[in-house]
Amino acid sequence: AVHVAAPGASAQTPSSPPAAQRLPHYLTRLVGADRQGARLRTQVHEHRLLTLLGAGGSGKTRLAIEVARALVQAVPGGSTPAFELAVFVPLVGAISATDLLDRIALALRVK
């Protein structure tokens, strides 16, 4: 899961690393997903919460991370405002709703 905080939201504490440092890094570029990335960025601004569906290994996580990175690094004063926080929350192994919420709280450092 990738969480993105709205512009002006102060979810980051002074000791928190910059948002770009809280997202996984890849050694390669994402190729061939420009149209999907642009559509996803627009939808994040419109709806705030999205679910990506598709077959395993189709690139949903990678696309979400790249879109989150782009939203955090958006040019201030540009056509879309930059988000202050983007956090990757690994949900592998989460087996209950409580486990899921605990992982999100830990990643957002609210617990």
N, C-alpha and C. Protein backbone atom coordinates (compact mmCIF):
# COMPACT_ATOMS: atom_id res chain seq x y z
N ALA A 1 0.85 -1.17 0.00
CA ALA A 1 0.00 0.00 0.00
C ALA A 1 0.88 1.23 0.00
N VAL A 2 0.44 2.25 -0.65
CA VAL A 2 1.15 3.51 -0.67
C VAL A 2 0.21 4.56 -0.14
N HIS A 3 0.64 5.32 0.86
CA HIS A 3 -0.17 6.38 1.45
C HIS A 3 0.42 7.71 1.01
N VAL A 4 -0.43 8.63 0.57
CA VAL A 4 0.01 9.95 0.14
C VAL A 4 -0.78 10.98 0.93
N ALA A 5 -0.08 11.90 1.63
CA ALA A 5 -0.75 12.95 2.40
C ALA A 5 -0.95 14.18 1.53
N ALA A 6 -2.04 14.85 1.74
CA ALA A 6 -2.42 16.01 0.94
C ALA A 6 -1.47 17.18 1.16
N PRO A 7 -1.40 18.09 0.17
CA PRO A 7 -0.63 19.31 0.35
C PRO A 7 -1.17 20.07 1.56
N GLY A 8 -0.27 20.57 2.38
CA GLY A 8 -0.68 21.32 3.56
C GLY A 8 -0.91 20.46 4.78
N ALA A 9 -1.00 19.14 4.61
CA ALA A 9 -1.18 18.24 5.76
C ALA A 9 0.16 18.06 6.43
N SER A 10 0.19 18.15 7.73
CA SER A 10 1.47 18.05 8.41
C SER A 10 1.58 16.72 9.13
N ALA A 11 1.74 15.65 8.33
CA ALA A 11 1.86 14.31 8.88
C ALA A 11 3.31 13.96 9.17
N GLN A 12 4.23 14.81 8.76
CA GLN A 12 5.64 14.52 8.93
C GLN A 12 6.17 15.21 10.17
N THR A 13 6.91 14.47 10.98
CA THR A 13 7.53 15.05 12.17
C THR A 13 8.90 15.56 11.80
N PRO A 14 9.50 16.45 12.62
CA PRO A 14 10.81 16.98 12.29
C PRO A 14 11.87 15.89 12.13
N SER A 15 11.74 14.75 12.81
CA SER A 15 12.74 13.70 12.71
C SER A 15 12.44 12.73 11.57
N SER A 16 11.32 12.89 10.88
CA SER A 16 10.97 11.99 9.78
C SER A 16 11.86 12.26 8.58
N PRO A 17 12.23 11.20 7.86
CA PRO A 17 13.00 11.42 6.64
C PRO A 17 12.12 12.04 5.57
N PRO A 18 12.73 12.71 4.58
CA PRO A 18 11.93 13.25 3.48
C PRO A 18 11.11 12.13 2.85
N ALA A 19 9.95 12.51 2.30
CA ALA A 19 9.02 11.53 1.74
C ALA A 19 9.68 10.63 0.70
N ALA A 20 10.52 11.20 -0.15
CA ALA A 20 11.14 10.40 -1.19
C ALA A 20 12.01 9.30 -0.59
N GLN A 21 12.50 9.48 0.63
CA GLN A 21 13.32 8.47 1.27
C GLN A 21 12.47 7.38 1.91
N ARG A 22 11.17 7.56 2.00
CA ARG A 22 10.29 6.57 2.62
C ARG A 22 9.60 5.70 1.57
N LEU A 23 10.07 5.78 0.34
CA LEU A 23 9.56 4.95 -0.75
C LEU A 23 10.69 4.03 -1.22
N PRO A 24 10.35 2.81 -1.64
CA PRO A 24 11.40 1.92 -2.16
C PRO A 24 12.08 2.52 -3.38
N HIS A 25 13.35 2.19 -3.54
CA HIS A 25 14.12 2.66 -4.69
C HIS A 25 14.38 1.51 -5.64
N TYR A 26 14.38 1.79 -6.92
CA TYR A 26 14.63 0.79 -7.94
C TYR A 26 15.85 1.21 -8.75
N LEU A 27 16.58 0.25 -9.26
CA LEU A 27 17.76 0.54 -10.06
C LEU A 27 17.42 0.81 -11.53
N THR A 28 16.19 0.47 -11.93
CA THR A 28 15.78 0.65 -13.31
C THR A 28 14.62 1.64 -13.38
N ARG A 29 14.41 2.16 -14.58
CA ARG A 29 13.29 3.07 -14.80
C ARG A 29 12.05 2.26 -15.16
N LEU A 30 10.88 2.79 -14.83
CA LEU A 30 9.62 2.17 -15.24
C LEU A 30 9.35 2.60 -16.68
N VAL A 31 9.24 1.64 -17.57
CA VAL A 31 9.09 1.93 -18.99
C VAL A 31 7.71 1.48 -19.46
N GLY A 32 7.06 2.32 -20.27
CA GLY A 32 5.82 1.93 -20.91
C GLY A 32 4.56 2.15 -20.08
N ALA A 33 4.67 2.91 -19.01
CA ALA A 33 3.49 3.13 -18.16
C ALA A 33 3.16 4.61 -18.03
N ASP A 34 3.59 5.40 -19.00
CA ASP A 34 3.35 6.85 -18.94
C ASP A 34 1.87 7.19 -18.90
N ARG A 35 1.09 6.56 -19.75
CA ARG A 35 -0.34 6.85 -19.81
C ARG A 35 -1.03 6.45 -18.51
N GLN A 36 -0.72 5.24 -18.01
CA GLN A 36 -1.32 4.77 -16.76
C GLN A 36 -0.89 5.65 -15.59
N GLY A 37 0.38 6.07 -15.57
CA GLY A 37 0.87 6.93 -14.50
C GLY A 37 0.18 8.28 -14.49
N ALA A 38 0.01 8.87 -15.65
CA ALA A 38 -0.67 10.17 -15.74
C ALA A 38 -2.12 10.05 -15.28
N ARG A 39 -2.78 8.98 -15.70
CA ARG A 39 -4.17 8.77 -15.29
C ARG A 39 -4.27 8.56 -13.78
N LEU A 40 -3.36 7.79 -13.23
CA LEU A 40 -3.36 7.52 -11.79
C LEU A 40 -3.09 8.80 -10.99
N ARG A 41 -2.15 9.64 -11.44
CA ARG A 41 -1.88 10.91 -10.75
C ARG A 41 -3.13 11.78 -10.72
N THR A 42 -3.84 11.86 -11.83
CA THR A 42 -5.07 12.64 -11.90
C THR A 42 -6.11 12.08 -10.94
N GLN A 43 -6.26 10.77 -10.93
CA GLN A 43 -7.26 10.15 -10.07
C GLN A 43 -6.93 10.31 -8.59
N VAL A 44 -5.66 10.29 -8.23
CA VAL A 44 -5.28 10.51 -6.82
C VAL A 44 -5.72 11.90 -6.38
N HIS A 45 -5.52 12.89 -7.22
CA HIS A 45 -5.93 14.26 -6.88
C HIS A 45 -7.45 14.37 -6.78
N GLU A 46 -8.18 13.59 -7.58
CA GLU A 46 -9.64 13.68 -7.59
C GLU A 46 -10.30 12.85 -6.49
N HIS A 47 -9.77 11.65 -6.21
CA HIS A 47 -10.48 10.72 -5.34
C HIS A 47 -9.79 10.39 -4.04
N ARG A 48 -8.49 10.65 -3.92
CA ARG A 48 -7.71 10.44 -2.70
C ARG A 48 -7.44 9.00 -2.36
N LEU A 49 -8.34 8.07 -2.59
CA LEU A 49 -8.13 6.67 -2.27
C LEU A 49 -8.43 5.83 -3.51
N LEU A 50 -7.44 5.06 -3.94
CA LEU A 50 -7.60 4.25 -5.14
C LEU A 50 -7.14 2.83 -4.86
N THR A 51 -7.69 1.89 -5.60
CA THR A 51 -7.27 0.50 -5.54
C THR A 51 -6.83 0.10 -6.94
N LEU A 52 -5.61 -0.43 -7.04
CA LEU A 52 -5.12 -0.92 -8.32
C LEU A 52 -5.35 -2.42 -8.38
N LEU A 53 -5.98 -2.86 -9.44
CA LEU A 53 -6.27 -4.28 -9.61
C LEU A 53 -5.54 -4.81 -10.84
N GLY A 54 -5.13 -6.04 -10.77
CA GLY A 54 -4.48 -6.67 -11.91
C GLY A 54 -3.81 -7.96 -11.49
N ALA A 55 -3.35 -8.68 -12.47
CA ALA A 55 -2.68 -9.96 -12.21
C ALA A 55 -1.39 -9.74 -11.45
N GLY A 56 -1.02 -10.75 -10.65
CA GLY A 56 0.24 -10.68 -9.93
C GLY A 56 1.40 -10.51 -10.90
N GLY A 57 2.33 -9.62 -10.56
CA GLY A 57 3.49 -9.39 -11.42
C GLY A 57 3.26 -8.43 -12.56
N SER A 58 2.08 -7.78 -12.59
CA SER A 58 1.78 -6.87 -13.70
C SER A 58 2.31 -5.46 -13.48
N GLY A 59 2.87 -5.18 -12.29
CA GLY A 59 3.49 -3.87 -12.05
C GLY A 59 2.67 -2.89 -11.25
N LYS A 60 1.65 -3.36 -10.53
CA LYS A 60 0.79 -2.46 -9.76
C LYS A 60 1.57 -1.72 -8.68
N THR A 61 2.37 -2.44 -7.92
CA THR A 61 3.14 -1.82 -6.83
C THR A 61 4.15 -0.84 -7.39
N ARG A 62 4.84 -1.23 -8.42
CA ARG A 62 5.86 -0.36 -9.02
C ARG A 62 5.23 0.91 -9.56
N LEU A 63 4.09 0.79 -10.22
CA LEU A 63 3.40 1.96 -10.75
C LEU A 63 2.96 2.88 -9.61
N ALA A 64 2.40 2.31 -8.55
CA ALA A 64 1.95 3.12 -7.41
C ALA A 64 3.11 3.86 -6.77
N ILE A 65 4.25 3.20 -6.63
CA ILE A 65 5.42 3.84 -6.03
C ILE A 65 5.94 4.96 -6.91
N GLU A 66 6.02 4.73 -8.20
CA GLU A 66 6.50 5.78 -9.11
C GLU A 66 5.55 6.97 -9.14
N VAL A 67 4.25 6.72 -9.09
CA VAL A 67 3.27 7.81 -9.05
C VAL A 67 3.40 8.58 -7.74
N ALA A 68 3.55 7.87 -6.62
CA ALA A 68 3.73 8.54 -5.33
C ALA A 68 4.98 9.40 -5.34
N ARG A 69 6.07 8.89 -5.89
CA ARG A 69 7.32 9.67 -5.97
C ARG A 69 7.10 10.93 -6.81
N ALA A 70 6.39 10.80 -7.93
CA ALA A 70 6.11 11.96 -8.79
C ALA A 70 5.24 12.98 -8.08
N LEU A 71 4.27 12.51 -7.29
CA LEU A 71 3.39 13.43 -6.57
C LEU A 71 4.13 14.19 -5.48
N VAL A 72 5.11 13.57 -4.86
CA VAL A 72 5.90 14.23 -3.83
C VAL A 72 6.88 15.21 -4.46
N GLN A 73 7.40 14.87 -5.62
CA GLN A 73 8.41 15.70 -6.27
C GLN A 73 7.82 16.69 -7.27
N ALA A 74 6.49 16.84 -7.28
CA ALA A 74 5.84 17.78 -8.20
C ALA A 74 6.39 19.18 -7.97
N VAL A 75 6.44 19.94 -9.02
CA VAL A 75 6.97 21.31 -8.94
C VAL A 75 5.97 22.20 -8.22
N PRO A 76 6.36 22.84 -7.09
CA PRO A 76 5.45 23.76 -6.40
C PRO A 76 4.99 24.86 -7.36
N GLY A 77 3.71 25.15 -7.32
CA GLY A 77 3.15 26.17 -8.20
C GLY A 77 2.83 25.62 -9.59
N GLY A 78 3.05 24.32 -9.79
CA GLY A 78 2.76 23.70 -11.08
C GLY A 78 1.27 23.48 -11.23
N SER A 79 0.91 22.70 -12.25
CA SER A 79 -0.51 22.48 -12.51
C SER A 79 -1.17 21.64 -11.42
N THR A 80 -0.40 20.80 -10.73
CA THR A 80 -0.93 20.05 -9.59
C THR A 80 0.01 20.24 -8.41
N PRO A 81 -0.53 20.46 -7.22
CA PRO A 81 0.33 20.70 -6.06
C PRO A 81 1.08 19.45 -5.63
N ALA A 82 2.23 19.65 -5.03
CA ALA A 82 3.03 18.53 -4.53
C ALA A 82 2.43 18.04 -3.21
N PHE A 83 2.52 16.76 -2.98
CA PHE A 83 2.10 16.18 -1.72
C PHE A 83 3.27 16.25 -0.75
N GLU A 84 2.98 16.34 0.54
CA GLU A 84 4.03 16.45 1.54
C GLU A 84 4.60 15.12 1.97
N LEU A 85 3.82 14.05 1.82
CA LEU A 85 4.26 12.77 2.36
C LEU A 85 3.77 11.62 1.50
N ALA A 86 4.66 10.70 1.21
CA ALA A 86 4.31 9.46 0.54
C ALA A 86 5.07 8.36 1.24
N VAL A 87 4.36 7.33 1.66
CA VAL A 87 4.96 6.25 2.44
C VAL A 87 4.55 4.91 1.86
N PHE A 88 5.52 4.02 1.70
CA PHE A 88 5.25 2.66 1.27
C PHE A 88 4.99 1.82 2.51
N VAL A 89 3.88 1.09 2.50
CA VAL A 89 3.52 0.23 3.63
C VAL A 89 3.45 -1.21 3.12
N PRO A 90 4.47 -2.02 3.41
CA PRO A 90 4.42 -3.42 2.96
C PRO A 90 3.35 -4.18 3.73
N LEU A 91 2.46 -4.82 3.02
CA LEU A 91 1.35 -5.55 3.64
C LEU A 91 1.51 -7.06 3.51
N VAL A 92 2.64 -7.52 3.00
CA VAL A 92 2.88 -8.95 2.88
C VAL A 92 2.84 -9.56 4.28
N GLY A 93 2.03 -10.57 4.44
CA GLY A 93 1.94 -11.25 5.73
C GLY A 93 0.91 -10.68 6.67
N ALA A 94 0.27 -9.58 6.31
CA ALA A 94 -0.80 -9.03 7.16
C ALA A 94 -1.99 -9.99 7.07
N ILE A 95 -2.41 -10.51 8.22
CA ILE A 95 -3.46 -11.53 8.18
C ILE A 95 -4.76 -11.08 8.85
N SER A 96 -4.78 -9.88 9.40
CA SER A 96 -6.01 -9.40 10.03
C SER A 96 -6.12 -7.89 9.82
N ALA A 97 -7.30 -7.38 10.06
CA ALA A 97 -7.51 -5.93 9.93
C ALA A 97 -6.65 -5.18 10.95
N THR A 98 -6.51 -5.74 12.14
CA THR A 98 -5.68 -5.10 13.17
C THR A 98 -4.23 -5.05 12.73
N ASP A 99 -3.73 -6.13 12.14
CA ASP A 99 -2.36 -6.18 11.65
C ASP A 99 -2.16 -5.13 10.56
N LEU A 100 -3.13 -5.02 9.67
CA LEU A 100 -3.06 -4.04 8.59
C LEU A 100 -3.00 -2.62 9.16
N LEU A 101 -3.88 -2.30 10.10
CA LEU A 101 -3.90 -0.96 10.69
C LEU A 101 -2.63 -0.67 11.48
N ASP A 102 -2.11 -1.67 12.17
CA ASP A 102 -0.86 -1.49 12.91
C ASP A 102 0.30 -1.17 11.98
N ARG A 103 0.36 -1.85 10.84
CA ARG A 103 1.44 -1.59 9.88
C ARG A 103 1.34 -0.19 9.29
N ILE A 104 0.12 0.24 9.00
CA ILE A 104 -0.07 1.59 8.45
C ILE A 104 0.31 2.64 9.51
N ALA A 105 -0.14 2.46 10.74
CA ALA A 105 0.19 3.39 11.81
C ALA A 105 1.69 3.46 12.04
N LEU A 106 2.37 2.32 12.01
CA LEU A 106 3.81 2.30 12.20
C LEU A 106 4.52 3.05 11.07
N ALA A 107 4.10 2.80 9.83
CA ALA A 107 4.72 3.46 8.69
C ALA A 107 4.50 4.98 8.72
N LEU A 108 3.32 5.40 9.20
CA LEU A 108 3.03 6.83 9.28
C LEU A 108 3.55 7.46 10.56
N ARG A 109 4.07 6.60 11.42
CA ARG A 109 4.65 7.03 12.70
C ARG A 109 3.63 7.76 13.56
N VAL A 110 2.44 7.20 13.63
CA VAL A 110 1.38 7.78 14.47
C VAL A 110 1.12 6.93 15.70
N LYS A 111 1.88 5.87 15.87
CA LYS A 111 1.70 4.99 17.01
C LYS A 111 2.89 5.01 17.90
